[in-house]
Amino acid sequence: MGKKKTENTQSLITCIVDAIEEKKGQDIVSLELGKLPNAICNHFIICHAESTTQVEAIAENIEDKTLEVLNEKVWQKGGYENKIWIILDFVDVVVHVFQTEWRQFYKLEQLWADAKTTYHSVK
């Protein structure tokens, strides 16, 4: 990955994490998947919230902030119908916003346990 692409990806990750923190998303984790076999993207960002209302608010804030700050639009998205797991696909970075019990059920961090993991503390 070129230096410019790496900087752009890092800016996107920082913007997404900030947007999650603004809406009080919990246990924010980023996984670096790019060097793993069968990786579908370079990075996952995962968080959760207690209610479907908060899951939706976090996802909407991510979309708003990435567009406002970086002029980055979501390439694909899903899950707004039931709001228990919203996925935002920015191509190199895929964001997973779960309702708490569904994050515990799907255990994405365990599925990608070989990935380099970064824990983001809430300010």
PDB file of N, CA and C in Angstrom:
ATOM      1  N   MET A   1       0.854  -1.178   0.000  1.00  0.00           N
ATOM      2  CA  MET A   1       0.000   0.000   0.000  1.00  0.00           C
ATOM      3  C   MET A   1       0.893   1.233   0.000  1.00  0.00           C
ATOM      4  N   GLY A   2       0.590   2.199  -0.864  1.00  0.00           N
ATOM      5  CA  GLY A   2       1.386   3.409  -0.941  1.00  0.00           C
ATOM      6  C   GLY A   2       1.209   4.294   0.280  1.00  0.00           C
ATOM      7  N   LYS A   3       2.175   5.210   0.451  1.00  0.00           N
ATOM      8  CA  LYS A   3       2.142   6.088   1.620  1.00  0.00           C
ATOM      9  C   LYS A   3       0.868   6.940   1.653  1.00  0.00           C
ATOM     10  N   LYS A   4       0.475   7.503   0.494  1.00  0.00           N
ATOM     11  CA  LYS A   4      -0.730   8.340   0.418  1.00  0.00           C
ATOM     12  C   LYS A   4      -1.972   7.532   0.795  1.00  0.00           C
ATOM     13  N   LYS A   5      -2.062   6.305   0.270  1.00  0.00           N
ATOM     14  CA  LYS A   5      -3.211   5.451   0.573  1.00  0.00           C
ATOM     15  C   LYS A   5      -3.252   5.111   2.060  1.00  0.00           C
ATOM     16  N   THR A   6      -2.080   4.840   2.648  1.00  0.00           N
ATOM     17  CA  THR A   6      -2.002   4.547   4.076  1.00  0.00           C
ATOM     18  C   THR A   6      -2.463   5.743   4.896  1.00  0.00           C
ATOM     19  N   GLU A   7      -2.041   6.945   4.524  1.00  0.00           N
ATOM     20  CA  GLU A   7      -2.461   8.165   5.240  1.00  0.00           C
ATOM     21  C   GLU A   7      -3.955   8.374   5.120  1.00  0.00           C
ATOM     22  N   ASN A   8      -4.495   8.159   3.912  1.00  0.00           N
ATOM     23  CA  ASN A   8      -5.936   8.322   3.712  1.00  0.00           C
ATOM     24  C   ASN A   8      -6.723   7.321   4.541  1.00  0.00           C
ATOM     25  N   THR A   9      -6.250   6.076   4.577  1.00  0.00           N
ATOM     26  CA  THR A   9      -6.927   5.044   5.367  1.00  0.00           C
ATOM     27  C   THR A   9      -6.874   5.391   6.846  1.00  0.00           C
ATOM     28  N   GLN A  10      -5.717   5.853   7.317  1.00  0.00           N
ATOM     29  CA  GLN A  10      -5.596   6.213   8.731  1.00  0.00           C
ATOM     30  C   GLN A  10      -6.499   7.397   9.075  1.00  0.00           C
ATOM     31  N   SER A  11      -6.608   8.371   8.176  1.00  0.00           N
ATOM     32  CA  SER A  11      -7.513   9.512   8.393  1.00  0.00           C
ATOM     33  C   SER A  11      -8.959   9.038   8.472  1.00  0.00           C
ATOM     34  N   LEU A  12      -9.312   8.088   7.615  1.00  0.00           N
ATOM     35  CA  LEU A  12     -10.671   7.544   7.622  1.00  0.00           C
ATOM     36  C   LEU A  12     -10.944   6.814   8.931  1.00  0.00           C
ATOM     37  N   ILE A  13     -10.009   5.997   9.373  1.00  0.00           N
ATOM     38  CA  ILE A  13     -10.176   5.262  10.637  1.00  0.00           C
ATOM     39  C   ILE A  13     -10.337   6.242  11.792  1.00  0.00           C
ATOM     40  N   THR A  14      -9.493   7.255  11.845  1.00  0.00           N
ATOM     41  CA  THR A  14      -9.570   8.259  12.921  1.00  0.00           C
ATOM     42  C   THR A  14     -10.919   8.968  12.908  1.00  0.00           C
ATOM     43  N   CYS A  15     -11.383   9.355  11.739  1.00  0.00           N
ATOM     44  CA  CYS A  15     -12.678  10.042  11.612  1.00  0.00           C
ATOM     45  C   CYS A  15     -13.821   9.129  12.070  1.00  0.00           C
ATOM     46  N   ILE A  16     -13.775   7.864  11.678  1.00  0.00           N
ATOM     47  CA  ILE A  16     -14.827   6.914  12.065  1.00  0.00           C
ATOM     48  C   ILE A  16     -14.829   6.708  13.580  1.00  0.00           C
ATOM     49  N   VAL A  17     -13.649   6.499  14.163  1.00  0.00           N
ATOM     50  CA  VAL A  17     -13.561   6.296  15.619  1.00  0.00           C
ATOM     51  C   VAL A  17     -14.088   7.534  16.352  1.00  0.00           C
ATOM     52  N   ASP A  18     -13.724   8.727  15.889  1.00  0.00           N
ATOM     53  CA  ASP A  18     -14.220   9.963  16.509  1.00  0.00           C
ATOM     54  C   ASP A  18     -15.747  10.041  16.432  1.00  0.00           C
ATOM     55  N   ALA A  19     -16.310   9.669  15.282  1.00  0.00           N
ATOM     56  CA  ALA A  19     -17.771   9.704  15.108  1.00  0.00           C
ATOM     57  C   ALA A  19     -18.457   8.709  16.042  1.00  0.00           C
ATOM     58  N   ILE A  20     -17.849   7.544  16.238  1.00  0.00           N
ATOM     59  CA  ILE A  20     -18.405   6.539  17.161  1.00  0.00           C
ATOM     60  C   ILE A  20     -18.357   7.083  18.586  1.00  0.00           C
ATOM     61  N   GLU A  21     -17.219   7.659  18.959  1.00  0.00           N
ATOM     62  CA  GLU A  21     -17.065   8.198  20.320  1.00  0.00           C
ATOM     63  C   GLU A  21     -18.068   9.317  20.600  1.00  0.00           C
ATOM     64  N   GLU A  22     -18.343  10.157  19.600  1.00  0.00           N
ATOM     65  CA  GLU A  22     -19.315  11.251  19.782  1.00  0.00           C
ATOM     66  C   GLU A  22     -20.685  10.736  20.190  1.00  0.00           C
ATOM     67  N   LYS A  23     -21.050   9.558  19.698  1.00  0.00           N
ATOM     68  CA  LYS A  23     -22.368   8.979  20.000  1.00  0.00           C
ATOM     69  C   LYS A  23     -22.280   7.874  21.052  1.00  0.00           C
ATOM     70  N   LYS A  24     -21.150   7.860  21.791  1.00  0.00           N
ATOM     71  CA  LYS A  24     -20.968   6.969  22.944  1.00  0.00           C
ATOM     72  C   LYS A  24     -20.985   5.490  22.583  1.00  0.00           C
ATOM     73  N   GLY A  25     -20.433   5.141  21.411  1.00  0.00           N
ATOM     74  CA  GLY A  25     -20.254   3.738  21.061  1.00  0.00           C
ATOM     75  C   GLY A  25     -19.299   3.080  22.050  1.00  0.00           C
ATOM     76  N   GLN A  26     -19.491   1.814  22.298  1.00  0.00           N
ATOM     77  CA  GLN A  26     -18.715   1.115  23.328  1.00  0.00           C
ATOM     78  C   GLN A  26     -17.722   0.128  22.721  1.00  0.00           C
ATOM     79  N   ASP A  27     -16.619  -0.090  23.460  1.00  0.00           N
ATOM     80  CA  ASP A  27     -15.598  -1.084  23.108  1.00  0.00           C
ATOM     81  C   ASP A  27     -15.197  -1.004  21.630  1.00  0.00           C
ATOM     82  N   ILE A  28     -14.676   0.150  21.235  1.00  0.00           N
ATOM     83  CA  ILE A  28     -14.286   0.374  19.846  1.00  0.00           C
ATOM     84  C   ILE A  28     -12.959  -0.349  19.576  1.00  0.00           C
ATOM     85  N   VAL A  29     -12.973  -1.186  18.549  1.00  0.00           N
ATOM     86  CA  VAL A  29     -11.807  -1.982  18.188  1.00  0.00           C
ATOM     87  C   VAL A  29     -11.599  -1.863  16.682  1.00  0.00           C
ATOM     88  N   SER A  30     -10.331  -1.741  16.268  1.00  0.00           N
ATOM     89  CA  SER A  30     -10.043  -1.857  14.838  1.00  0.00           C
ATOM     90  C   SER A  30      -9.129  -3.049  14.620  1.00  0.00           C
ATOM     91  N   LEU A  31      -9.422  -3.792  13.568  1.00  0.00           N
ATOM     92  CA  LEU A  31      -8.655  -4.980  13.211  1.00  0.00           C
ATOM     93  C   LEU A  31      -7.980  -4.727  11.871  1.00  0.00           C
ATOM     94  N   GLU A  32      -6.691  -4.982  11.814  1.00  0.00           N
ATOM     95  CA  GLU A  32      -5.941  -4.835  10.566  1.00  0.00           C
ATOM     96  C   GLU A  32      -5.925  -6.186   9.867  1.00  0.00           C
ATOM     97  N   LEU A  33      -6.676  -6.296   8.782  1.00  0.00           N
ATOM     98  CA  LEU A  33      -6.884  -7.576   8.106  1.00  0.00           C
ATOM     99  C   LEU A  33      -6.062  -7.741   6.835  1.00  0.00           C
ATOM    100  N   GLY A  34      -5.496  -6.663   6.337  1.00  0.00           N
ATOM    101  CA  GLY A  34      -4.885  -6.646   5.013  1.00  0.00           C
ATOM    102  C   GLY A  34      -3.871  -7.730   4.730  1.00  0.00           C
ATOM    103  N   LYS A  35      -3.137  -8.176   5.724  1.00  0.00           N
ATOM    104  CA  LYS A  35      -2.092  -9.180   5.500  1.00  0.00           C
ATOM    105  C   LYS A  35      -2.589 -10.618   5.714  1.00  0.00           C
ATOM    106  N   LEU A  36      -3.836 -10.764   6.090  1.00  0.00           N
ATOM    107  CA  LEU A  36      -4.378 -12.101   6.353  1.00  0.00           C
ATOM    108  C   LEU A  36      -4.928 -12.723   5.070  1.00  0.00           C
ATOM    109  N   PRO A  37      -4.803 -14.042   4.929  1.00  0.00           N
ATOM    110  CA  PRO A  37      -5.413 -14.695   3.767  1.00  0.00           C
ATOM    111  C   PRO A  37      -6.938 -14.593   3.854  1.00  0.00           C
ATOM    112  N   ASN A  38      -7.575 -14.473   2.727  1.00  0.00           N
ATOM    113  CA  ASN A  38      -9.043 -14.398   2.628  1.00  0.00           C
ATOM    114  C   ASN A  38      -9.650 -13.136   3.232  1.00  0.00           C
ATOM    115  N   ALA A  39      -8.832 -12.117   3.488  1.00  0.00           N
ATOM    116  CA  ALA A  39      -9.376 -10.869   4.038  1.00  0.00           C
ATOM    117  C   ALA A  39     -10.231 -10.187   2.979  1.00  0.00           C
ATOM    118  N   ILE A  40     -11.369  -9.680   3.411  1.00  0.00           N
ATOM    119  CA  ILE A  40     -12.290  -9.038   2.477  1.00  0.00           C
ATOM    120  C   ILE A  40     -12.061  -7.529   2.362  1.00  0.00           C
ATOM    121  N   CYS A  41     -11.248  -6.997   3.258  1.00  0.00           N
ATOM    122  CA  CYS A  41     -10.888  -5.591   3.237  1.00  0.00           C
ATOM    123  C   CYS A  41      -9.616  -5.442   4.074  1.00  0.00           C
ATOM    124  N   ASN A  42      -9.115  -4.230   4.196  1.00  0.00           N
ATOM    125  CA  ASN A  42      -7.891  -4.020   4.972  1.00  0.00           C
ATOM    126  C   ASN A  42      -8.151  -3.818   6.464  1.00  0.00           C
ATOM    127  N   HIS A  43      -9.307  -3.249   6.810  1.00  0.00           N
ATOM    128  CA  HIS A  43      -9.588  -2.934   8.215  1.00  0.00           C
ATOM    129  C   HIS A  43     -11.062  -3.151   8.533  1.00  0.00           C
ATOM    130  N   PHE A  44     -11.300  -3.665   9.721  1.00  0.00           N
ATOM    131  CA  PHE A  44     -12.631  -3.677  10.337  1.00  0.00           C
ATOM    132  C   PHE A  44     -12.575  -2.702  11.502  1.00  0.00           C
ATOM    133  N   ILE A  45     -13.646  -1.981  11.702  1.00  0.00           N
ATOM    134  CA  ILE A  45     -13.842  -1.228  12.940  1.00  0.00           C
ATOM    135  C   ILE A  45     -15.138  -1.757  13.534  1.00  0.00           C
ATOM    136  N   ILE A  46     -15.084  -2.133  14.812  1.00  0.00           N
ATOM    137  CA  ILE A  46     -16.226  -2.764  15.467  1.00  0.00           C
ATOM    138  C   ILE A  46     -16.547  -2.005  16.749  1.00  0.00           C
ATOM    139  N   CYS A  47     -17.841  -1.796  16.991  1.00  0.00           N
ATOM    140  CA  CYS A  47     -18.287  -1.211  18.261  1.00  0.00           C
ATOM    141  C   CYS A  47     -19.684  -1.729  18.536  1.00  0.00           C
ATOM    142  N   HIS A  48     -20.209  -1.371  19.700  1.00  0.00           N
ATOM    143  CA  HIS A  48     -21.593  -1.740  20.000  1.00  0.00           C
ATOM    144  C   HIS A  48     -22.266  -0.651  20.828  1.00  0.00           C
ATOM    145  N   ALA A  49     -23.583  -0.780  20.918  1.00  0.00           N
ATOM    146  CA  ALA A  49     -24.415   0.144  21.685  1.00  0.00           C
ATOM    147  C   ALA A  49     -25.564  -0.656  22.284  1.00  0.00           C
ATOM    148  N   GLU A  50     -26.179  -0.105  23.306  1.00  0.00           N
ATOM    149  CA  GLU A  50     -27.223  -0.826  24.044  1.00  0.00           C
ATOM    150  C   GLU A  50     -28.567  -0.895  23.322  1.00  0.00           C
ATOM    151  N   SER A  51     -28.875   0.081  22.473  1.00  0.00           N
ATOM    152  CA  SER A  51     -30.207   0.114  21.861  1.00  0.00           C
ATOM    153  C   SER A  51     -30.104   0.250  20.345  1.00  0.00           C
ATOM    154  N   THR A  52     -31.168  -0.142  19.665  1.00  0.00           N
ATOM    155  CA  THR A  52     -31.199   0.014  18.210  1.00  0.00           C
ATOM    156  C   THR A  52     -31.177   1.498  17.829  1.00  0.00           C
ATOM    157  N   THR A  53     -31.769   2.336  18.661  1.00  0.00           N
ATOM    158  CA  THR A  53     -31.749   3.778  18.409  1.00  0.00           C
ATOM    159  C   THR A  53     -30.320   4.303  18.405  1.00  0.00           C
ATOM    160  N   GLN A  54     -29.519   3.853  19.372  1.00  0.00           N
ATOM    161  CA  GLN A  54     -28.130   4.295  19.454  1.00  0.00           C
ATOM    162  C   GLN A  54     -27.292   3.690  18.326  1.00  0.00           C
ATOM    163  N   VAL A  55     -27.539   2.442  17.956  1.00  0.00           N
ATOM    164  CA  VAL A  55     -26.836   1.819  16.831  1.00  0.00           C
ATOM    165  C   VAL A  55     -27.047   2.668  15.580  1.00  0.00           C
ATOM    166  N   GLU A  56     -28.285   3.049  15.322  1.00  0.00           N
ATOM    167  CA  GLU A  56     -28.595   3.872  14.150  1.00  0.00           C
ATOM    168  C   GLU A  56     -27.931   5.246  14.246  1.00  0.00           C
ATOM    169  N   ALA A  57     -27.966   5.859  15.429  1.00  0.00           N
ATOM    170  CA  ALA A  57     -27.362   7.189  15.608  1.00  0.00           C
ATOM    171  C   ALA A  57     -25.855   7.145  15.344  1.00  0.00           C
ATOM    172  N   ILE A  58     -25.190   6.091  15.807  1.00  0.00           N
ATOM    173  CA  ILE A  58     -23.746   5.940  15.576  1.00  0.00           C
ATOM    174  C   ILE A  58     -23.473   5.808  14.081  1.00  0.00           C
ATOM    175  N   ALA A  59     -24.195   4.920  13.416  1.00  0.00           N
ATOM    176  CA  ALA A  59     -23.980   4.690  11.982  1.00  0.00           C
ATOM    177  C   ALA A  59     -24.235   5.967  11.176  1.00  0.00           C
ATOM    178  N   GLU A  60     -25.306   6.666  11.479  1.00  0.00           N
ATOM    179  CA  GLU A  60     -25.605   7.915  10.772  1.00  0.00           C
ATOM    180  C   GLU A  60     -24.524   8.962  11.016  1.00  0.00           C
ATOM    181  N   ASN A  61     -24.011   9.026  12.247  1.00  0.00           N
ATOM    182  CA  ASN A  61     -22.959   9.993  12.564  1.00  0.00           C
ATOM    183  C   ASN A  61     -21.670   9.666  11.799  1.00  0.00           C
ATOM    184  N   ILE A  62     -21.367   8.381  11.657  1.00  0.00           N
ATOM    185  CA  ILE A  62     -20.201   7.983  10.877  1.00  0.00           C
ATOM    186  C   ILE A  62     -20.365   8.450   9.424  1.00  0.00           C
ATOM    187  N   GLU A  63     -21.533   8.188   8.855  1.00  0.00           N
ATOM    188  CA  GLU A  63     -21.778   8.618   7.469  1.00  0.00           C
ATOM    189  C   GLU A  63     -21.659  10.136   7.330  1.00  0.00           C
ATOM    190  N   ASP A  64     -22.256  10.865   8.262  1.00  0.00           N
ATOM    191  CA  ASP A  64     -22.221  12.331   8.207  1.00  0.00           C
ATOM    192  C   ASP A  64     -20.800  12.869   8.342  1.00  0.00           C
ATOM    193  N   LYS A  65     -20.052  12.366   9.327  1.00  0.00           N
ATOM    194  CA  LYS A  65     -18.699  12.878   9.614  1.00  0.00           C
ATOM    195  C   LYS A  65     -17.715  12.567   8.497  1.00  0.00           C
ATOM    196  N   THR A  66     -17.769  11.345   7.972  1.00  0.00           N
ATOM    197  CA  THR A  66     -16.817  10.990   6.915  1.00  0.00           C
ATOM    198  C   THR A  66     -17.072  11.819   5.656  1.00  0.00           C
ATOM    199  N   LEU A  67     -18.324  12.133   5.394  1.00  0.00           N
ATOM    200  CA  LEU A  67     -18.651  12.976   4.247  1.00  0.00           C
ATOM    201  C   LEU A  67     -18.227  14.422   4.498  1.00  0.00           C
ATOM    202  N   GLU A  68     -18.547  14.925   5.686  1.00  0.00           N
ATOM    203  CA  GLU A  68     -18.246  16.320   6.037  1.00  0.00           C
ATOM    204  C   GLU A  68     -16.732  16.572   6.131  1.00  0.00           C
ATOM    205  N   VAL A  69     -16.010  15.705   6.812  1.00  0.00           N
ATOM    206  CA  VAL A  69     -14.596  15.934   7.101  1.00  0.00           C
ATOM    207  C   VAL A  69     -13.688  15.491   5.955  1.00  0.00           C
ATOM    208  N   LEU A  70     -13.995  14.338   5.349  1.00  0.00           N
ATOM    209  CA  LEU A  70     -13.081  13.749   4.357  1.00  0.00           C
ATOM    210  C   LEU A  70     -13.664  13.661   2.949  1.00  0.00           C
ATOM    211  N   ASN A  71     -14.920  14.054   2.814  1.00  0.00           N
ATOM    212  CA  ASN A  71     -15.630  13.914   1.548  1.00  0.00           C
ATOM    213  C   ASN A  71     -15.652  12.448   1.083  1.00  0.00           C
ATOM    214  N   GLU A  72     -15.756  11.542   2.049  1.00  0.00           N
ATOM    215  CA  GLU A  72     -15.822  10.098   1.793  1.00  0.00           C
ATOM    216  C   GLU A  72     -17.262   9.631   1.950  1.00  0.00           C
ATOM    217  N   LYS A  73     -17.768   8.974   0.919  1.00  0.00           N
ATOM    218  CA  LYS A  73     -19.109   8.401   0.985  1.00  0.00           C
ATOM    219  C   LYS A  73     -19.015   6.903   1.220  1.00  0.00           C
ATOM    220  N   VAL A  74     -20.012   6.375   1.895  1.00  0.00           N
ATOM    221  CA  VAL A  74     -20.116   4.936   2.089  1.00  0.00           C
ATOM    222  C   VAL A  74     -20.380   4.299   0.729  1.00  0.00           C
ATOM    223  N   TRP A  75     -19.624   3.239   0.432  1.00  0.00           N
ATOM    224  CA  TRP A  75     -19.792   2.541  -0.841  1.00  0.00           C
ATOM    225  C   TRP A  75     -21.044   1.669  -0.797  1.00  0.00           C
ATOM    226  N   GLN A  76     -21.191   0.899   0.285  1.00  0.00           N
ATOM    227  CA  GLN A  76     -22.389   0.089   0.508  1.00  0.00           C
ATOM    228  C   GLN A  76     -22.709   0.091   1.992  1.00  0.00           C
ATOM    229  N   LYS A  77     -23.987  -0.119   2.302  1.00  0.00           N
ATOM    230  CA  LYS A  77     -24.394  -0.179   3.709  1.00  0.00           C
ATOM    231  C   LYS A  77     -25.577  -1.117   3.844  1.00  0.00           C
ATOM    232  N   GLY A  78     -25.732  -1.650   5.050  1.00  0.00           N
ATOM    233  CA  GLY A  78     -26.848  -2.550   5.300  1.00  0.00           C
ATOM    234  C   GLY A  78     -27.144  -2.635   6.780  1.00  0.00           C
ATOM    235  N   GLY A  79     -28.359  -3.052   7.096  1.00  0.00           N
ATOM    236  CA  GLY A  79     -28.749  -3.256   8.480  1.00  0.00           C
ATOM    237  C   GLY A  79     -29.612  -2.168   9.075  1.00  0.00           C
ATOM    238  N   TYR A  80     -29.863  -1.105   8.323  1.00  0.00           N
ATOM    239  CA  TYR A  80     -30.693  -0.020   8.857  1.00  0.00           C
ATOM    240  C   TYR A  80     -32.136  -0.464   9.091  1.00  0.00           C
ATOM    241  N   GLU A  81     -32.532  -1.568   8.451  1.00  0.00           N
ATOM    242  CA  GLU A  81     -33.916  -2.040   8.598  1.00  0.00           C
ATOM    243  C   GLU A  81     -34.198  -2.490  10.029  1.00  0.00           C
ATOM    244  N   ASN A  82     -33.300  -3.316  10.596  1.00  0.00           N
ATOM    245  CA  ASN A  82     -33.561  -3.828  11.948  1.00  0.00           C
ATOM    246  C   ASN A  82     -32.669  -3.189  13.010  1.00  0.00           C
ATOM    247  N   LYS A  83     -31.573  -2.571  12.587  1.00  0.00           N
ATOM    248  CA  LYS A  83     -30.683  -1.793  13.471  1.00  0.00           C
ATOM    249  C   LYS A  83     -30.029  -2.613  14.586  1.00  0.00           C
ATOM    250  N   ILE A  84     -29.895  -3.930  14.392  1.00  0.00           N
ATOM    251  CA  ILE A  84     -29.169  -4.720  15.391  1.00  0.00           C
ATOM    252  C   ILE A  84     -27.700  -4.891  14.987  1.00  0.00           C
ATOM    253  N   TRP A  85     -27.415  -4.713  13.671  1.00  0.00           N
ATOM    254  CA  TRP A  85     -26.049  -4.793  13.167  1.00  0.00           C
ATOM    255  C   TRP A  85     -26.013  -4.013  11.867  1.00  0.00           C
ATOM    256  N   ILE A  86     -25.468  -2.824  11.913  1.00  0.00           N
ATOM    257  CA  ILE A  86     -25.351  -1.989  10.721  1.00  0.00           C
ATOM    258  C   ILE A  86     -23.918  -2.084  10.216  1.00  0.00           C
ATOM    259  N   ILE A  87     -23.785  -2.332   8.927  1.00  0.00           N
ATOM    260  CA  ILE A  87     -22.478  -2.426   8.285  1.00  0.00           C
ATOM    261  C   ILE A  87     -22.330  -1.257   7.321  1.00  0.00           C
ATOM    262  N   LEU A  88     -21.204  -0.559   7.424  1.00  0.00           N
ATOM    263  CA  LEU A  88     -20.865   0.531   6.516  1.00  0.00           C
ATOM    264  C   LEU A  88     -19.569   0.151   5.807  1.00  0.00           C
ATOM    265  N   ASP A  89     -19.616   0.041   4.496  1.00  0.00           N
ATOM    266  CA  ASP A  89     -18.470  -0.408   3.705  1.00  0.00           C
ATOM    267  C   ASP A  89     -17.845   0.783   2.984  1.00  0.00           C
ATOM    268  N   PHE A  90     -16.627   1.128   3.412  1.00  0.00           N
ATOM    269  CA  PHE A  90     -15.857   2.193   2.769  1.00  0.00           C
ATOM    270  C   PHE A  90     -14.763   1.593   1.880  1.00  0.00           C
ATOM    271  N   VAL A  91     -14.920   0.375   1.414  1.00  0.00           N
ATOM    272  CA  VAL A  91     -14.025  -0.411   0.569  1.00  0.00           C
ATOM    273  C   VAL A  91     -12.825  -0.934   1.366  1.00  0.00           C
ATOM    274  N   ASP A  92     -11.861  -0.074   1.734  1.00  0.00           N
ATOM    275  CA  ASP A  92     -10.701  -0.530   2.516  1.00  0.00           C
ATOM    276  C   ASP A  92     -11.039  -0.713   3.993  1.00  0.00           C
ATOM    277  N   VAL A  93     -12.066  -0.011   4.456  1.00  0.00           N
ATOM    278  CA  VAL A  93     -12.471  -0.050   5.865  1.00  0.00           C
ATOM    279  C   VAL A  93     -13.956  -0.415   5.924  1.00  0.00           C
ATOM    280  N   VAL A  94     -14.273  -1.443   6.708  1.00  0.00           N
ATOM    281  CA  VAL A  94     -15.669  -1.836   6.910  1.00  0.00           C
ATOM    282  C   VAL A  94     -15.991  -1.663   8.391  1.00  0.00           C
ATOM    283  N   VAL A  95     -17.078  -0.947   8.663  1.00  0.00           N
ATOM    284  CA  VAL A  95     -17.486  -0.647  10.036  1.00  0.00           C
ATOM    285  C   VAL A  95     -18.677  -1.520  10.409  1.00  0.00           C
ATOM    286  N   HIS A  96     -18.587  -2.094  11.606  1.00  0.00           N
ATOM    287  CA  HIS A  96     -19.673  -2.927  12.144  1.00  0.00           C
ATOM    288  C   HIS A  96     -20.171  -2.271  13.425  1.00  0.00           C
ATOM    289  N   VAL A  97     -21.423  -1.830  13.420  1.00  0.00           N
ATOM    290  CA  VAL A  97     -22.035  -1.239  14.610  1.00  0.00           C
ATOM    291  C   VAL A  97     -23.124  -2.203  15.074  1.00  0.00           C
ATOM    292  N   PHE A  98     -22.863  -2.847  16.197  1.00  0.00           N
ATOM    293  CA  PHE A  98     -23.754  -3.876  16.719  1.00  0.00           C
ATOM    294  C   PHE A  98     -24.590  -3.367  17.883  1.00  0.00           C
ATOM    295  N   GLN A  99     -25.749  -3.984  18.081  1.00  0.00           N
ATOM    296  CA  GLN A  99     -26.406  -3.925  19.371  1.00  0.00           C
ATOM    297  C   GLN A  99     -25.651  -4.948  20.236  1.00  0.00           C
ATOM    298  N   THR A 100     -25.448  -4.641  21.500  1.00  0.00           N
ATOM    299  CA  THR A 100     -24.542  -5.389  22.377  1.00  0.00           C
ATOM    300  C   THR A 100     -24.690  -6.907  22.273  1.00  0.00           C
ATOM    301  N   GLU A 101     -25.883  -7.431  22.423  1.00  0.00           N
ATOM    302  CA  GLU A 101     -26.062  -8.885  22.455  1.00  0.00           C
ATOM    303  C   GLU A 101     -25.662  -9.535  21.127  1.00  0.00           C
ATOM    304  N   TRP A 102     -25.816  -8.829  20.015  1.00  0.00           N
ATOM    305  CA  TRP A 102     -25.473  -9.391  18.710  1.00  0.00           C
ATOM    306  C   TRP A 102     -23.965  -9.374  18.481  1.00  0.00           C
ATOM    307  N   ARG A 103     -23.280  -8.408  19.045  1.00  0.00           N
ATOM    308  CA  ARG A 103     -21.814  -8.433  18.962  1.00  0.00           C
ATOM    309  C   ARG A 103     -21.286  -9.649  19.713  1.00  0.00           C
ATOM    310  N   GLN A 104     -21.868  -9.907  20.882  1.00  0.00           N
ATOM    311  CA  GLN A 104     -21.444 -11.067  21.673  1.00  0.00           C
ATOM    312  C   GLN A 104     -21.770 -12.371  20.947  1.00  0.00           C
ATOM    313  N   PHE A 105     -22.864 -12.383  20.207  1.00  0.00           N
ATOM    314  CA  PHE A 105     -23.282 -13.586  19.484  1.00  0.00           C
ATOM    315  C   PHE A 105     -22.360 -13.875  18.290  1.00  0.00           C
ATOM    316  N   TYR A 106     -22.055 -12.856  17.486  1.00  0.00           N
ATOM    317  CA  TYR A 106     -21.279 -13.064  16.260  1.00  0.00           C
ATOM    318  C   TYR A 106     -19.770 -13.131  16.490  1.00  0.00           C
ATOM    319  N   LYS A 107     -19.274 -12.490  17.525  1.00  0.00           N
ATOM    320  CA  LYS A 107     -17.855 -12.598  17.923  1.00  0.00           C
ATOM    321  C   LYS A 107     -16.883 -12.391  16.761  1.00  0.00           C
ATOM    322  N   LEU A 108     -17.028 -11.291  16.040  1.00  0.00           N
ATOM    323  CA  LEU A 108     -16.148 -11.023  14.898  1.00  0.00           C
ATOM    324  C   LEU A 108     -14.676 -10.975  15.278  1.00  0.00           C
ATOM    325  N   GLU A 109     -14.384 -10.422  16.447  1.00  0.00           N
ATOM    326  CA  GLU A 109     -12.988 -10.347  16.876  1.00  0.00           C
ATOM    327  C   GLU A 109     -12.368 -11.737  16.986  1.00  0.00           C
ATOM    328  N   GLN A 110     -13.147 -12.714  17.406  1.00  0.00           N
ATOM    329  CA  GLN A 110     -12.629 -14.081  17.517  1.00  0.00           C
ATOM    330  C   GLN A 110     -12.469 -14.730  16.144  1.00  0.00           C
ATOM    331  N   LEU A 111     -13.381 -14.420  15.224  1.00  0.00           N
ATOM    332  CA  LEU A 111     -13.273 -14.969  13.872  1.00  0.00           C
ATOM    333  C   LEU A 111     -12.002 -14.477  13.168  1.00  0.00           C
ATOM    334  N   TRP A 112     -11.594 -13.253  13.485  1.00  0.00           N
ATOM    335  CA  TRP A 112     -10.408 -12.644  12.877  1.00  0.00           C
ATOM    336  C   TRP A 112      -9.322 -12.463  13.940  1.00  0.00           C
ATOM    337  N   ALA A 113      -9.142 -13.461  14.786  1.00  0.00           N
ATOM    338  CA  ALA A 113      -8.220 -13.372  15.930  1.00  0.00           C
ATOM    339  C   ALA A 113      -6.762 -13.168  15.517  1.00  0.00           C
ATOM    340  N   ASP A 114      -6.395 -13.533  14.296  1.00  0.00           N
ATOM    341  CA  ASP A 114      -5.016 -13.359  13.831  1.00  0.00           C
ATOM    342  C   ASP A 114      -4.708 -11.921  13.424  1.00  0.00           C
ATOM    343  N   ALA A 115      -5.717 -11.097  13.345  1.00  0.00           N
ATOM    344  CA  ALA A 115      -5.523  -9.701  12.916  1.00  0.00           C
ATOM    345  C   ALA A 115      -4.865  -8.885  14.018  1.00  0.00           C
ATOM    346  N   LYS A 116      -4.081  -7.909  13.611  1.00  0.00           N
ATOM    347  CA  LYS A 116      -3.535  -6.942  14.580  1.00  0.00           C
ATOM    348  C   LYS A 116      -4.724  -6.122  15.093  1.00  0.00           C
ATOM    349  N   THR A 117      -4.852  -6.058  16.417  1.00  0.00           N
ATOM    350  CA  THR A 117      -6.004  -5.417  17.044  1.00  0.00           C
ATOM    351  C   THR A 117      -5.582  -4.141  17.760  1.00  0.00           C
ATOM    352  N   THR A 118      -6.372  -3.082  17.532  1.00  0.00           N
ATOM    353  CA  THR A 118      -6.146  -1.815  18.238  1.00  0.00           C
ATOM    354  C   THR A 118      -7.423  -1.496  19.003  1.00  0.00           C
ATOM    355  N   TYR A 119      -7.265  -1.249  20.316  1.00  0.00           N
ATOM    356  CA  TYR A 119      -8.401  -0.880  21.161  1.00  0.00           C
ATOM    357  C   TYR A 119      -8.398   0.638  21.297  1.00  0.00           C
ATOM    358  N   HIS A 120      -9.531   1.242  21.008  1.00  0.00           N
ATOM    359  CA  HIS A 120      -9.650   2.705  21.077  1.00  0.00           C
ATOM    360  C   HIS A 120     -10.380   3.065  22.346  1.00  0.00           C
ATOM    361  N   SER A 121      -9.713   3.823  23.206  1.00  0.00           N
ATOM    362  CA  SER A 121     -10.353   4.204  24.467  1.00  0.00           C
ATOM    363  C   SER A 121     -11.219   5.420  24.239  1.00  0.00           C
ATOM    364  N   VAL A 122     -12.350   5.449  24.918  1.00  0.00           N
ATOM    365  CA  VAL A 122     -13.259   6.581  24.826  1.00  0.00           C
ATOM    366  C   VAL A 122     -12.679   7.715  25.657  1.00  0.00           C
ATOM    367  N   LYS A 123     -12.658   8.896  25.049  1.00  0.00           N
ATOM    368  CA  LYS A 123     -12.071  10.065  25.719  1.00  0.00           C
ATOM    369  C   LYS A 123     -12.999  10.615  26.765  1.00  0.00           C
TER     370      LYS A 123
END
